[in-house]
Amino acid sequence: MADLLQKGILATVNQTIDPEVALQIAEEHGFLAEVQKEGEETRYYRRTS
């Protein structure tokens, strides 16, 4: 939530945010992320560092 506020985005826990913003925040925290379309198979990755 703090990262969203720093970017000027006011969102609730259950609110959908822009996928590009989600990717950006995930990468800032060292996670590999990808946008997945509805109906695609879900894959999970672990951070290795």
N, C-alpha and C. Protein backbone atom coordinates (compact mmCIF):
# COMPACT_ATOMS: atom_id res chain seq x y z
N MET A 1 0.83 -1.18 0.00
CA MET A 1 0.00 0.00 0.00
C MET A 1 0.87 1.25 0.00
N ALA A 2 1.96 1.21 0.75
CA ALA A 2 2.83 2.38 0.83
C ALA A 2 3.42 2.72 -0.55
N ASP A 3 3.78 1.67 -1.31
CA ASP A 3 4.33 1.91 -2.65
C ASP A 3 3.31 2.58 -3.56
N LEU A 4 2.06 2.16 -3.45
CA LEU A 4 1.01 2.78 -4.26
C LEU A 4 0.82 4.24 -3.87
N LEU A 5 0.81 4.51 -2.58
CA LEU A 5 0.65 5.89 -2.12
C LEU A 5 1.80 6.77 -2.61
N GLN A 6 3.02 6.24 -2.59
CA GLN A 6 4.17 7.00 -3.08
C GLN A 6 4.03 7.34 -4.57
N LYS A 7 3.32 6.49 -5.29
CA LYS A 7 3.09 6.75 -6.72
C LYS A 7 1.84 7.58 -6.97
N GLY A 8 1.18 8.00 -5.87
CA GLY A 8 -0.01 8.83 -5.99
C GLY A 8 -1.27 8.05 -6.31
N ILE A 9 -1.26 6.75 -6.01
CA ILE A 9 -2.42 5.91 -6.29
C ILE A 9 -3.11 5.57 -4.98
N LEU A 10 -4.36 5.98 -4.85
CA LEU A 10 -5.15 5.65 -3.68
C LEU A 10 -6.00 4.44 -4.03
N ALA A 11 -5.70 3.31 -3.42
CA ALA A 11 -6.40 2.06 -3.72
C ALA A 11 -6.69 1.31 -2.43
N THR A 12 -7.79 0.58 -2.43
CA THR A 12 -8.10 -0.27 -1.29
C THR A 12 -7.45 -1.64 -1.52
N VAL A 13 -7.46 -2.48 -0.52
CA VAL A 13 -6.86 -3.81 -0.61
C VAL A 13 -7.51 -4.63 -1.72
N ASN A 14 -8.79 -4.50 -1.91
CA ASN A 14 -9.52 -5.32 -2.89
C ASN A 14 -9.66 -4.66 -4.26
N GLN A 15 -9.11 -3.48 -4.44
CA GLN A 15 -9.26 -2.76 -5.70
C GLN A 15 -8.23 -3.23 -6.72
N THR A 16 -8.64 -3.34 -7.96
CA THR A 16 -7.74 -3.70 -9.05
C THR A 16 -6.88 -2.51 -9.42
N ILE A 17 -5.58 -2.75 -9.64
CA ILE A 17 -4.69 -1.68 -10.07
C ILE A 17 -4.17 -2.00 -11.47
N ASP A 18 -3.58 -1.02 -12.10
CA ASP A 18 -3.04 -1.17 -13.44
C ASP A 18 -1.95 -2.24 -13.44
N PRO A 19 -1.99 -3.18 -14.37
CA PRO A 19 -0.98 -4.25 -14.40
C PRO A 19 0.46 -3.74 -14.50
N GLU A 20 0.67 -2.66 -15.22
CA GLU A 20 2.03 -2.12 -15.35
C GLU A 20 2.55 -1.63 -14.00
N VAL A 21 1.67 -1.03 -13.20
CA VAL A 21 2.05 -0.57 -11.87
C VAL A 21 2.38 -1.77 -10.99
N ALA A 22 1.59 -2.81 -11.06
CA ALA A 22 1.82 -4.03 -10.28
C ALA A 22 3.17 -4.65 -10.65
N LEU A 23 3.48 -4.71 -11.94
CA LEU A 23 4.77 -5.24 -12.38
C LEU A 23 5.92 -4.40 -11.85
N GLN A 24 5.77 -3.11 -11.93
CA GLN A 24 6.81 -2.19 -11.47
C GLN A 24 7.09 -2.38 -9.98
N ILE A 25 6.06 -2.46 -9.17
CA ILE A 25 6.23 -2.63 -7.73
C ILE A 25 6.83 -3.99 -7.41
N ALA A 26 6.38 -5.03 -8.09
CA ALA A 26 6.94 -6.37 -7.86
C ALA A 26 8.44 -6.38 -8.16
N GLU A 27 8.84 -5.79 -9.27
CA GLU A 27 10.24 -5.76 -9.65
C GLU A 27 11.08 -4.93 -8.68
N GLU A 28 10.51 -3.86 -8.15
CA GLU A 28 11.21 -3.04 -7.16
C GLU A 28 11.52 -3.84 -5.89
N HIS A 29 10.73 -4.87 -5.64
CA HIS A 29 10.92 -5.70 -4.44
C HIS A 29 11.63 -7.01 -4.77
N GLY A 30 12.19 -7.11 -5.97
CA GLY A 30 12.99 -8.26 -6.35
C GLY A 30 12.24 -9.48 -6.83
N PHE A 31 10.99 -9.31 -7.23
CA PHE A 31 10.19 -10.43 -7.72
C PHE A 31 10.08 -10.39 -9.23
N LEU A 32 10.03 -11.56 -9.83
CA LEU A 32 9.77 -11.69 -11.26
C LEU A 32 8.26 -11.82 -11.41
N ALA A 33 7.65 -10.98 -12.20
CA ALA A 33 6.20 -11.01 -12.36
C ALA A 33 5.85 -10.92 -13.84
N GLU A 34 4.68 -11.42 -14.17
CA GLU A 34 4.17 -11.30 -15.53
C GLU A 34 2.67 -11.13 -15.48
N VAL A 35 2.14 -10.44 -16.46
CA VAL A 35 0.69 -10.24 -16.55
C VAL A 35 0.10 -11.47 -17.21
N GLN A 36 -0.95 -11.97 -16.62
CA GLN A 36 -1.57 -13.19 -17.11
C GLN A 36 -3.02 -12.89 -17.48
N LYS A 37 -3.42 -13.31 -18.65
CA LYS A 37 -4.79 -13.11 -19.09
C LYS A 37 -5.69 -14.17 -18.47
N GLU A 38 -6.95 -13.83 -18.31
CA GLU A 38 -7.92 -14.76 -17.74
C GLU A 38 -7.98 -16.04 -18.56
N GLY A 39 -7.96 -17.17 -17.87
CA GLY A 39 -8.04 -18.45 -18.54
C GLY A 39 -6.68 -19.08 -18.81
N GLU A 40 -5.59 -18.35 -18.68
CA GLU A 40 -4.26 -18.92 -18.87
C GLU A 40 -3.86 -19.72 -17.65
N GLU A 41 -3.02 -20.72 -17.86
CA GLU A 41 -2.54 -21.55 -16.76
C GLU A 41 -1.66 -20.72 -15.83
N THR A 42 -1.83 -20.93 -14.54
CA THR A 42 -1.07 -20.20 -13.54
C THR A 42 0.26 -20.89 -13.28
N ARG A 43 1.34 -20.09 -13.29
CA ARG A 43 2.66 -20.60 -12.97
C ARG A 43 3.22 -19.78 -11.82
N TYR A 44 3.91 -20.42 -10.93
CA TYR A 44 4.49 -19.74 -9.78
C TYR A 44 6.00 -19.81 -9.84
N TYR A 45 6.64 -18.71 -9.46
CA TYR A 45 8.11 -18.64 -9.45
C TYR A 45 8.57 -18.22 -8.07
N ARG A 46 9.71 -18.74 -7.68
CA ARG A 46 10.32 -18.34 -6.42
C ARG A 46 11.46 -17.39 -6.69
N ARG A 47 11.64 -16.48 -5.76
CA ARG A 47 12.79 -15.57 -5.84
C ARG A 47 14.00 -16.36 -5.42
N THR A 48 15.12 -16.24 -6.14
CA THR A 48 16.30 -17.05 -5.87
C THR A 48 17.37 -16.32 -5.10
N SER A 49 17.21 -15.06 -4.82
CA SER A 49 18.27 -14.32 -4.11
C SER A 49 18.00 -14.16 -2.66
